[in-house]
Amino acid sequence: MSGGRIVALLGAESTGKTTLAHELAAALRAEGQDAVVVEEYLREFCAVHGRTPQRDEQRAIAAEQTRRIEAAAAAHAIVIADTTALMIAVYSDLVFGDTSLYAEAEAAHARCAATLLTALDLPWQADSHQRDGPHVREPVDAKVRAALGRAGSAYAIVSGVDRGRLAAALAGVRRMLAAPAAARAAARWQWHCERCGDPDCERHLLPQPPAP
């Protein structure tokens, strides 16, 4: 993917991707960067059709998301993608049991310069046709991480609320974009926070069951 650098925002339902995408782009523009947001095409599809897509419509939605990201990258220095085709592949797998979209989506996503994965620490909120419920968030999160692993894409976990979430996103973007391209392409690590690289430390982000 030539041209501008792609920053992909991935994550389960109701984890703040869209809000964060716009806040991140605004923060980068305030620093003098040429940054633009590519909206989630699935949201547009659902609004136009008044429903979620069928199995045979998933591939075209994924392709359109990739096309829009590529078009933006040809015109801007930094593209903040509010999801990539990888999320379409994950939901196609989860909802329809169709894993056929992964290979193409992973190949496209591997060309992104940075990936931010939104943590599950925000409360779930309903959102028209798109959201299934809080019970799908952990399965989606697991499938996203597995797909990123197959794609060889390094990613940073973004947690916190309000300005703290944005600060975490900015830190992740700066760290990943500053790495040489060769290092990003070869990366198999995941940067989980500024304190450590232990995925177990993310457990504190998840809602805790009430005490007996």
Protein backbone atom coordinates (compact mmCIF):
# COMPACT_ATOMS: atom_id res chain seq x y z
CA MET A 1 0.00 0.00 0.00
CA SER A 2 1.94 2.99 -1.27
CA GLY A 3 1.50 6.62 -0.28
CA GLY A 4 0.36 7.61 3.19
CA ARG A 5 0.81 5.52 6.30
CA ILE A 6 -2.22 3.61 7.56
CA VAL A 7 -3.18 3.54 11.23
CA ALA A 8 -5.84 0.86 11.72
CA LEU A 9 -8.27 0.87 14.63
CA LEU A 10 -9.66 -2.56 15.42
CA GLY A 11 -11.76 -3.83 18.29
CA ALA A 12 -14.98 -5.40 19.41
CA GLU A 13 -18.35 -3.68 19.59
CA SER A 14 -18.71 -0.54 21.68
CA THR A 15 -15.02 -0.08 22.43
CA GLY A 16 -14.83 3.50 21.17
CA LYS A 17 -13.20 3.01 17.77
CA THR A 18 -15.13 5.68 15.87
CA THR A 19 -14.80 8.36 18.54
CA LEU A 20 -11.13 7.55 18.96
CA ALA A 21 -10.48 7.66 15.21
CA HIS A 22 -11.74 11.24 14.97
CA GLU A 23 -9.99 12.37 18.14
CA LEU A 24 -6.73 10.82 16.97
CA ALA A 25 -6.92 12.46 13.55
CA ALA A 26 -7.72 15.82 15.15
CA ALA A 27 -4.77 15.50 17.55
CA LEU A 28 -2.39 14.65 14.71
CA ARG A 29 -3.67 17.55 12.59
CA ALA A 30 -3.10 19.87 15.56
CA GLU A 31 0.56 18.78 15.40
CA GLY A 32 0.70 19.76 11.73
CA GLN A 33 0.20 16.27 10.31
CA ASP A 34 -1.88 15.59 7.20
CA ALA A 35 -4.27 13.09 8.81
CA VAL A 36 -7.69 11.93 7.64
CA VAL A 37 -10.27 9.42 8.87
CA VAL A 38 -11.73 6.65 6.72
CA GLU A 39 -15.11 5.79 8.18
CA GLU A 40 -16.40 2.26 8.69
CA TYR A 41 -18.21 1.30 5.48
CA LEU A 42 -20.28 -1.34 7.29
CA ARG A 43 -21.98 1.42 9.29
CA GLU A 44 -22.94 3.16 6.04
CA PHE A 45 -24.22 -0.12 4.57
CA CYS A 46 -26.43 -0.77 7.60
CA ALA A 47 -27.82 2.76 7.54
CA VAL A 48 -28.67 2.58 3.83
CA HIS A 49 -30.21 -0.90 3.90
CA GLY A 50 -31.71 -0.80 7.37
CA ARG A 51 -30.17 -4.17 8.25
CA THR A 52 -26.92 -6.01 8.72
CA PRO A 53 -25.35 -7.67 5.66
CA GLN A 54 -25.97 -11.22 4.53
CA ARG A 55 -23.16 -13.73 4.13
CA ASP A 56 -22.81 -13.17 0.39
CA GLU A 57 -22.49 -9.40 0.88
CA GLN A 58 -19.55 -9.55 3.27
CA ARG A 59 -16.78 -9.83 0.67
CA ALA A 60 -17.90 -6.73 -1.22
CA ILE A 61 -18.09 -4.74 2.03
CA ALA A 62 -14.56 -5.80 2.95
CA ALA A 63 -13.30 -4.88 -0.52
CA GLU A 64 -14.94 -1.46 -0.35
CA GLN A 65 -13.38 -0.75 3.04
CA THR A 66 -9.95 -1.58 1.63
CA ARG A 67 -10.58 0.48 -1.50
CA ARG A 68 -11.50 3.55 0.55
CA ILE A 69 -8.44 3.19 2.74
CA GLU A 70 -6.16 2.88 -0.30
CA ALA A 71 -7.76 5.93 -1.94
CA ALA A 72 -7.23 7.99 1.19
CA ALA A 73 -3.62 6.79 1.49
CA ALA A 74 -2.96 8.02 -2.04
CA ALA A 75 -3.99 11.54 -1.04
CA HIS A 76 -2.92 11.94 2.60
CA ALA A 77 0.17 11.37 4.73
CA ILE A 78 -1.64 9.55 7.56
CA VAL A 79 -4.90 7.63 7.28
CA ILE A 80 -6.83 6.67 10.42
CA ALA A 81 -8.93 3.69 9.38
CA ASP A 82 -12.00 3.12 11.54
CA THR A 83 -11.61 -0.65 11.08
CA THR A 84 -10.21 -2.53 8.10
CA ALA A 85 -11.39 -5.54 6.11
CA LEU A 86 -10.02 -7.66 8.94
CA MET A 87 -13.02 -6.79 11.11
CA ILE A 88 -15.39 -7.85 8.32
CA ALA A 89 -13.57 -11.18 8.12
CA VAL A 90 -13.84 -11.64 11.89
CA TYR A 91 -17.59 -10.99 11.94
CA SER A 92 -18.12 -13.19 8.88
CA ASP A 93 -16.40 -15.95 10.81
CA LEU A 94 -18.32 -15.28 14.03
CA VAL A 95 -21.79 -14.82 12.52
CA PHE A 96 -21.72 -17.09 9.48
CA GLY A 97 -18.89 -19.50 10.22
CA ASP A 98 -17.25 -18.28 7.01
CA THR A 99 -13.46 -18.06 7.23
CA SER A 100 -12.89 -17.45 3.52
CA LEU A 101 -12.32 -13.69 3.92
CA TYR A 102 -9.35 -13.95 6.26
CA ALA A 103 -6.55 -14.49 3.74
CA GLU A 104 -7.29 -11.41 1.65
CA ALA A 105 -8.12 -9.27 4.69
CA GLU A 106 -4.93 -10.29 6.53
CA ALA A 107 -2.82 -9.57 3.45
CA ALA A 108 -4.34 -6.10 3.14
CA HIS A 109 -3.99 -5.40 6.84
CA ALA A 110 -0.35 -6.45 6.92
CA ARG A 111 0.40 -3.34 4.84
CA CYS A 112 -0.79 -1.02 7.62
CA ALA A 113 1.94 0.90 9.40
CA ALA A 114 0.30 0.72 12.84
CA THR A 115 -2.60 -1.08 14.47
CA LEU A 116 -4.44 -0.06 17.62
CA LEU A 117 -6.65 -2.62 19.35
CA THR A 118 -9.28 -1.07 21.62
CA ALA A 119 -9.61 -2.74 25.02
CA LEU A 120 -12.87 -4.06 26.47
CA ASP A 121 -12.86 -1.63 29.38
CA LEU A 122 -15.69 0.63 28.15
CA PRO A 123 -19.33 -0.21 28.99
CA TRP A 124 -21.31 -1.73 26.15
CA GLN A 125 -23.89 0.49 24.45
CA ALA A 126 -26.50 -0.40 21.83
CA ASP A 127 -26.02 1.05 18.35
CA SER A 128 -28.88 0.52 15.89
CA HIS A 129 -28.40 -2.49 13.59
CA GLN A 130 -24.71 -3.12 14.13
CA ARG A 131 -24.30 -4.42 17.66
CA ASP A 132 -25.20 -7.90 18.85
CA GLY A 133 -24.58 -7.53 22.58
CA PRO A 134 -21.83 -7.51 25.19
CA HIS A 135 -21.49 -11.31 25.04
CA VAL A 136 -19.79 -11.12 21.62
CA ARG A 137 -17.01 -8.75 22.64
CA GLU A 138 -14.58 -11.28 24.11
CA PRO A 139 -14.99 -13.79 21.21
CA VAL A 140 -14.45 -10.96 18.70
CA ASP A 141 -11.41 -9.71 20.58
CA ALA A 142 -9.89 -13.20 20.55
CA LYS A 143 -10.49 -13.64 16.81
CA VAL A 144 -9.00 -10.21 16.03
CA ARG A 145 -5.84 -11.03 17.96
CA ALA A 146 -5.53 -14.40 16.23
CA ALA A 147 -5.92 -12.77 12.80
CA LEU A 148 -3.33 -10.12 13.63
CA GLY A 149 -0.96 -12.86 14.68
CA ARG A 150 -1.41 -14.67 11.37
CA ALA A 151 -0.88 -11.40 9.50
CA GLY A 152 2.30 -10.70 11.47
CA SER A 153 0.92 -7.30 12.47
CA ALA A 154 2.22 -5.67 15.63
CA TYR A 155 -0.42 -3.89 17.64
CA ALA A 156 -0.84 -1.67 20.69
CA ILE A 157 -3.67 -2.04 23.19
CA VAL A 158 -5.59 1.18 23.82
CA SER A 159 -7.38 1.46 27.14
CA GLY A 160 -8.64 4.18 29.45
CA VAL A 161 -11.39 6.77 29.18
CA ASP A 162 -11.69 10.18 27.59
CA ARG A 163 -8.32 11.94 27.27
CA GLY A 164 -6.52 8.95 28.75
CA ARG A 165 -7.70 6.72 25.91
CA LEU A 166 -6.56 9.27 23.34
CA ALA A 167 -3.19 9.64 25.06
CA ALA A 168 -2.71 5.87 24.94
CA ALA A 169 -3.60 5.84 21.24
CA LEU A 170 -1.19 8.66 20.44
CA ALA A 171 1.58 6.89 22.33
CA GLY A 172 0.96 3.70 20.39
CA VAL A 173 0.89 5.47 17.03
CA ARG A 174 4.06 7.44 17.69
CA ARG A 175 5.92 4.35 18.86
CA MET A 176 4.88 2.23 15.89
CA LEU A 177 5.25 4.87 13.18
CA ALA A 178 8.71 5.75 14.46
CA ALA A 179 9.92 2.18 13.93
CA PRO A 180 11.75 1.50 10.64
CA ALA A 181 9.57 -0.05 7.94
CA ALA A 182 11.64 -3.24 7.91
CA ALA A 183 11.15 -3.66 11.64
CA ARG A 184 7.39 -3.17 11.32
CA ALA A 185 7.18 -5.71 8.53
CA ALA A 186 9.04 -8.30 10.56
CA ALA A 187 7.28 -7.55 13.84
CA ARG A 188 5.63 -10.40 15.69
CA TRP A 189 5.47 -8.70 19.10
CA GLN A 190 2.54 -6.93 20.68
CA TRP A 191 3.05 -3.76 22.73
CA HIS A 192 0.39 -3.90 25.42
CA CYS A 193 1.14 -0.78 27.42
CA GLU A 194 3.90 1.60 28.38
CA ARG A 195 4.78 -0.46 31.46
CA CYS A 196 5.22 -4.01 30.22
CA GLY A 197 4.63 -6.51 27.43
CA ASP A 198 2.67 -9.01 29.50
CA PRO A 199 -0.82 -9.67 28.08
CA ASP A 200 -1.94 -10.93 31.49
CA CYS A 201 -1.72 -7.37 32.77
CA GLU A 202 -4.74 -6.56 30.61
CA ARG A 203 -6.97 -8.51 32.96
CA HIS A 204 -7.40 -5.43 35.13
CA LEU A 205 -9.15 -3.74 32.21
CA LEU A 206 -12.02 -6.23 32.17
CA PRO A 207 -15.11 -5.82 34.36
CA GLN A 208 -14.72 -7.75 37.57
CA PRO A 209 -17.53 -9.98 38.91
CA PRO A 210 -19.24 -8.74 42.07
CA ALA A 211 -17.85 -10.05 45.34
CA PRO A 212 -19.86 -12.96 46.80
